[in-house]
Amino acid sequence: MRRLLVLVASLMLIAWNAWGEALYVNDSARMPLRSGPGMDYRIIDMVNAGKKVQTLENREDWNRVQVPDGKEGWMLTRHLTADRPSVLLVEALREENKSQKEKLADLSSTNTRLSGEVKQFTKELEETRAELAALKSEHEALKTGSSKYLDLKNNYEKSAAALKEVTQRADSYEKDLTRLQLHQNIWWFLSGAGVLVVGFLIGSSSKRQRKRSSLL
């Protein structure tokens, strides 16, 4: 009696574990879903290989299952497996491969875009460096020019100061010359008659000397 109870409990446990278990149709062809647990029961649907079904009941070589569209029926246990069938694995690999290809295409596009940006940035960097070099050259030229300008400015200021001094001296000389001329005029007017007489005498003396010379 005790053994019978243990056997019944074991069968119930097996049935309980089997009920609700997710299984897959493992054959490569479509498998029939029958109205009862036997080959003589009518086929109510055909289930594609790899389809996931829900186990409702287990009876010897048959499992009562529910397919994704909600239909319930019986399928041979040997056509079901707890492992994902190869057809699903292949499909999953195809999807993964497709996803990886899309990612690779995106990465390739991104790489192309980044390569273009790097080339553009490199070109702009070279142009900026060239502009910087030109600015440095202009800065050095400006510094040199500024130095020359300061030298010219200093020379000009010195020349201007010297010119001012010379001008002042010239003005002074002109004033002195004017005073001398004034003195000479005064002296002329004071000694005018004497000068005329002396000139006359000298002229007369010269005439006599020329006559004597001609007579000799």
Protein backbone atom coordinates (compact mmCIF):
# COMPACT_ATOMS: atom_id res chain seq x y z
CA MET A 1 0.00 0.00 0.00
CA ARG A 2 2.79 2.31 0.93
CA ARG A 3 4.60 1.55 -2.32
CA LEU A 4 1.44 2.27 -4.27
CA LEU A 5 1.08 5.64 -2.61
CA VAL A 6 4.71 6.49 -3.39
CA LEU A 7 4.21 5.46 -7.03
CA VAL A 8 1.06 7.53 -7.36
CA ALA A 9 2.78 10.52 -5.76
CA SER A 10 5.73 10.16 -8.13
CA LEU A 11 3.46 10.01 -11.17
CA MET A 12 1.54 13.04 -9.95
CA LEU A 13 4.81 14.91 -9.41
CA ILE A 14 5.99 14.04 -12.90
CA ALA A 15 2.67 15.13 -14.35
CA TRP A 16 2.76 18.33 -12.32
CA ASN A 17 6.29 19.16 -13.53
CA ALA A 18 5.34 18.38 -17.10
CA TRP A 19 2.24 20.53 -16.98
CA GLY A 20 2.93 24.08 -18.03
CA GLU A 21 6.41 23.29 -19.35
CA ALA A 22 7.44 25.17 -22.48
CA LEU A 23 8.52 22.78 -25.24
CA TYR A 24 9.48 23.13 -28.88
CA VAL A 25 8.53 21.16 -31.96
CA ASN A 26 11.86 19.61 -32.86
CA ASP A 27 11.34 18.12 -36.30
CA SER A 28 12.25 19.92 -39.47
CA ALA A 29 8.78 19.38 -40.94
CA ARG A 30 5.31 20.42 -39.83
CA MET A 31 3.88 18.15 -37.14
CA PRO A 32 0.17 17.31 -36.74
CA LEU A 33 -1.81 18.51 -33.74
CA ARG A 34 -4.50 15.86 -33.07
CA SER A 35 -7.74 15.98 -31.17
CA GLY A 36 -6.69 13.03 -28.95
CA PRO A 37 -3.67 10.98 -27.83
CA GLY A 38 -3.52 8.58 -30.74
CA MET A 39 -2.80 8.32 -34.44
CA ASP A 40 -6.45 7.59 -35.16
CA TYR A 41 -7.61 10.97 -33.85
CA ARG A 42 -8.24 13.68 -36.41
CA ILE A 43 -5.68 16.36 -37.17
CA ILE A 44 -6.90 19.77 -36.06
CA ASP A 45 -3.79 21.75 -37.09
CA MET A 46 -0.25 21.50 -38.42
CA VAL A 47 2.48 23.01 -36.25
CA ASN A 48 5.68 24.28 -37.83
CA ALA A 49 9.02 22.99 -36.62
CA GLY A 50 10.56 25.22 -33.97
CA LYS A 51 7.20 26.47 -32.71
CA LYS A 52 6.97 26.98 -28.98
CA VAL A 53 4.07 25.15 -27.32
CA GLN A 54 2.78 24.99 -23.75
CA THR A 55 2.42 21.56 -22.13
CA LEU A 56 -0.96 20.98 -20.50
CA GLU A 57 -0.94 17.20 -19.92
CA ASN A 58 1.38 14.25 -20.38
CA ARG A 59 0.08 10.75 -21.23
CA GLU A 60 2.63 8.04 -22.16
CA ASP A 61 3.91 8.94 -25.66
CA TRP A 62 1.62 11.92 -26.04
CA ASN A 63 1.49 15.49 -24.72
CA ARG A 64 -1.53 17.72 -24.68
CA VAL A 65 -0.27 21.14 -25.67
CA GLN A 66 -1.46 24.61 -26.46
CA VAL A 67 -0.03 26.29 -29.55
CA PRO A 68 0.64 30.05 -29.81
CA ASP A 69 -2.71 30.80 -31.49
CA GLY A 70 -4.56 29.25 -28.51
CA LYS A 71 -5.55 25.89 -30.02
CA GLU A 72 -5.16 22.81 -27.83
CA GLY A 73 -4.41 19.28 -29.01
CA TRP A 74 -2.17 16.26 -28.74
CA MET A 75 1.31 15.75 -30.16
CA LEU A 76 3.76 12.86 -29.96
CA THR A 77 6.27 13.40 -27.17
CA ARG A 78 9.18 12.48 -29.42
CA HIS A 79 8.39 15.48 -31.59
CA LEU A 80 8.84 17.83 -28.63
CA THR A 81 12.00 18.98 -26.88
CA ALA A 82 12.93 21.31 -24.06
CA ASP A 83 15.97 22.49 -26.01
CA ARG A 84 15.69 25.15 -28.61
CA PRO A 85 15.75 23.37 -31.97
CA SER A 86 18.42 24.06 -34.53
CA VAL A 87 15.97 25.85 -36.78
CA LEU A 88 15.44 28.46 -34.05
CA LEU A 89 19.16 28.68 -33.38
CA VAL A 90 19.83 29.19 -37.07
CA GLU A 91 17.15 31.86 -37.22
CA ALA A 92 18.57 33.52 -34.12
CA LEU A 93 22.03 33.43 -35.66
CA ARG A 94 20.66 34.93 -38.85
CA GLU A 95 19.04 37.73 -36.90
CA GLU A 96 22.24 38.25 -34.93
CA ASN A 97 24.26 38.25 -38.14
CA LYS A 98 21.87 40.75 -39.67
CA SER A 99 22.10 42.92 -36.58
CA GLN A 100 25.90 42.73 -36.62
CA LYS A 101 25.96 43.64 -40.31
CA GLU A 102 23.77 46.65 -39.62
CA LYS A 103 26.03 47.67 -36.76
CA LEU A 104 29.06 47.16 -39.00
CA ALA A 105 27.47 49.31 -41.69
CA ASP A 106 26.74 52.00 -39.10
CA LEU A 107 30.31 51.78 -37.82
CA SER A 108 31.65 51.97 -41.37
CA SER A 109 29.50 55.02 -42.05
CA THR A 110 30.60 56.59 -38.78
CA ASN A 111 34.23 55.80 -39.58
CA THR A 112 33.90 57.40 -43.01
CA ARG A 113 32.31 60.48 -41.48
CA LEU A 114 34.96 60.71 -38.77
CA SER A 115 37.72 60.25 -41.35
CA GLY A 116 36.29 63.16 -43.32
CA GLU A 117 36.09 65.27 -40.18
CA VAL A 118 39.67 64.40 -39.27
CA LYS A 119 40.84 65.45 -42.74
CA GLN A 120 38.89 68.70 -42.46
CA PHE A 121 40.25 69.39 -38.97
CA THR A 122 43.78 68.61 -40.18
CA LYS A 123 43.38 71.03 -43.07
CA GLU A 124 42.00 73.73 -40.79
CA LEU A 125 44.85 73.12 -38.34
CA GLU A 126 47.44 73.52 -41.09
CA GLU A 127 45.74 76.72 -42.27
CA THR A 128 45.65 78.02 -38.71
CA ARG A 129 49.33 77.23 -38.26
CA ALA A 130 50.12 79.04 -41.52
CA GLU A 131 48.10 82.07 -40.37
CA LEU A 132 49.88 81.99 -37.02
CA ALA A 133 53.27 81.90 -38.75
CA ALA A 134 52.23 84.85 -40.94
CA LEU A 135 51.06 86.79 -37.89
CA LYS A 136 54.34 86.10 -36.12
CA SER A 137 56.25 87.33 -39.18
CA GLU A 138 54.13 90.47 -39.34
CA HIS A 139 54.63 90.99 -35.63
CA GLU A 140 58.40 90.75 -35.98
CA ALA A 141 58.30 93.15 -38.96
CA LEU A 142 56.17 95.55 -36.94
CA LYS A 143 58.60 95.36 -34.04
CA THR A 144 61.52 96.06 -36.41
CA GLY A 145 59.58 98.85 -38.10
CA SER A 146 58.68 100.35 -34.75
CA SER A 147 62.34 100.33 -33.74
CA LYS A 148 63.29 102.08 -36.99
CA TYR A 149 60.46 104.53 -36.51
CA LEU A 150 61.69 105.40 -33.04
CA ASP A 151 65.21 105.93 -34.41
CA LEU A 152 63.86 108.20 -37.15
CA LYS A 153 61.77 110.07 -34.62
CA ASN A 154 64.80 110.63 -32.38
CA ASN A 155 66.89 111.80 -35.34
CA TYR A 156 64.11 114.12 -36.45
CA GLU A 157 63.81 115.63 -33.00
CA LYS A 158 67.57 116.14 -32.86
CA SER A 159 67.57 117.69 -36.34
CA ALA A 160 64.62 119.90 -35.43
CA ALA A 161 66.43 121.09 -32.31
CA ALA A 162 69.60 121.78 -34.31
CA LEU A 163 67.59 123.62 -36.99
CA LYS A 164 65.94 125.72 -34.32
CA GLU A 165 69.33 126.60 -32.88
CA VAL A 166 70.71 127.48 -36.33
CA THR A 167 67.62 129.55 -37.08
CA GLN A 168 68.04 131.44 -33.84
CA ARG A 169 71.70 132.06 -34.65
CA ALA A 170 70.78 133.20 -38.16
CA ASP A 171 68.23 135.59 -36.72
CA SER A 172 70.89 136.93 -34.39
CA TYR A 173 73.37 137.32 -37.26
CA GLU A 174 70.73 139.08 -39.33
CA LYS A 175 70.07 141.51 -36.53
CA ASP A 176 73.80 142.16 -36.15
CA LEU A 177 74.12 142.67 -39.90
CA THR A 178 71.24 145.11 -39.87
CA ARG A 179 72.91 147.09 -37.09
CA LEU A 180 76.20 147.14 -39.02
CA GLN A 181 74.47 148.32 -42.16
CA LEU A 182 72.79 151.06 -40.17
CA HIS A 183 76.11 152.16 -38.73
CA GLN A 184 77.63 152.14 -42.19
CA ASN A 185 74.85 154.34 -43.54
CA ILE A 186 75.26 156.78 -40.71
CA TRP A 187 78.97 156.87 -41.29
CA TRP A 188 78.35 157.47 -44.98
CA PHE A 189 76.11 160.38 -44.38
CA LEU A 190 78.50 161.86 -41.84
CA SER A 191 81.59 161.57 -44.05
CA GLY A 192 79.95 161.90 -47.45
CA ALA A 193 81.69 165.03 -48.54
CA GLY A 194 85.13 163.82 -47.47
CA VAL A 195 84.64 160.64 -49.32
CA LEU A 196 83.74 162.47 -52.51
CA VAL A 197 86.82 164.67 -52.29
CA VAL A 198 89.11 161.76 -51.68
CA GLY A 199 87.59 159.96 -54.58
CA PHE A 200 88.01 162.94 -56.82
CA LEU A 201 91.66 163.34 -55.83
CA ILE A 202 92.37 159.71 -56.41
CA GLY A 203 90.70 159.90 -59.78
CA SER A 204 92.69 162.95 -60.78
CA SER A 205 95.93 161.35 -59.66
CA SER A 206 95.21 158.31 -61.72
CA LYS A 207 94.58 160.37 -64.85
CA ARG A 208 97.88 162.17 -64.47
CA GLN A 209 99.76 158.96 -64.07
CA ARG A 210 98.20 157.57 -67.25
CA LYS A 211 99.12 160.71 -69.20
CA ARG A 212 102.73 160.50 -68.07
CA SER A 213 102.93 156.96 -69.06
CA SER A 214 101.64 157.75 -72.53
CA LEU A 215 104.17 160.56 -72.99
CA LEU A 216 107.06 158.32 -72.13
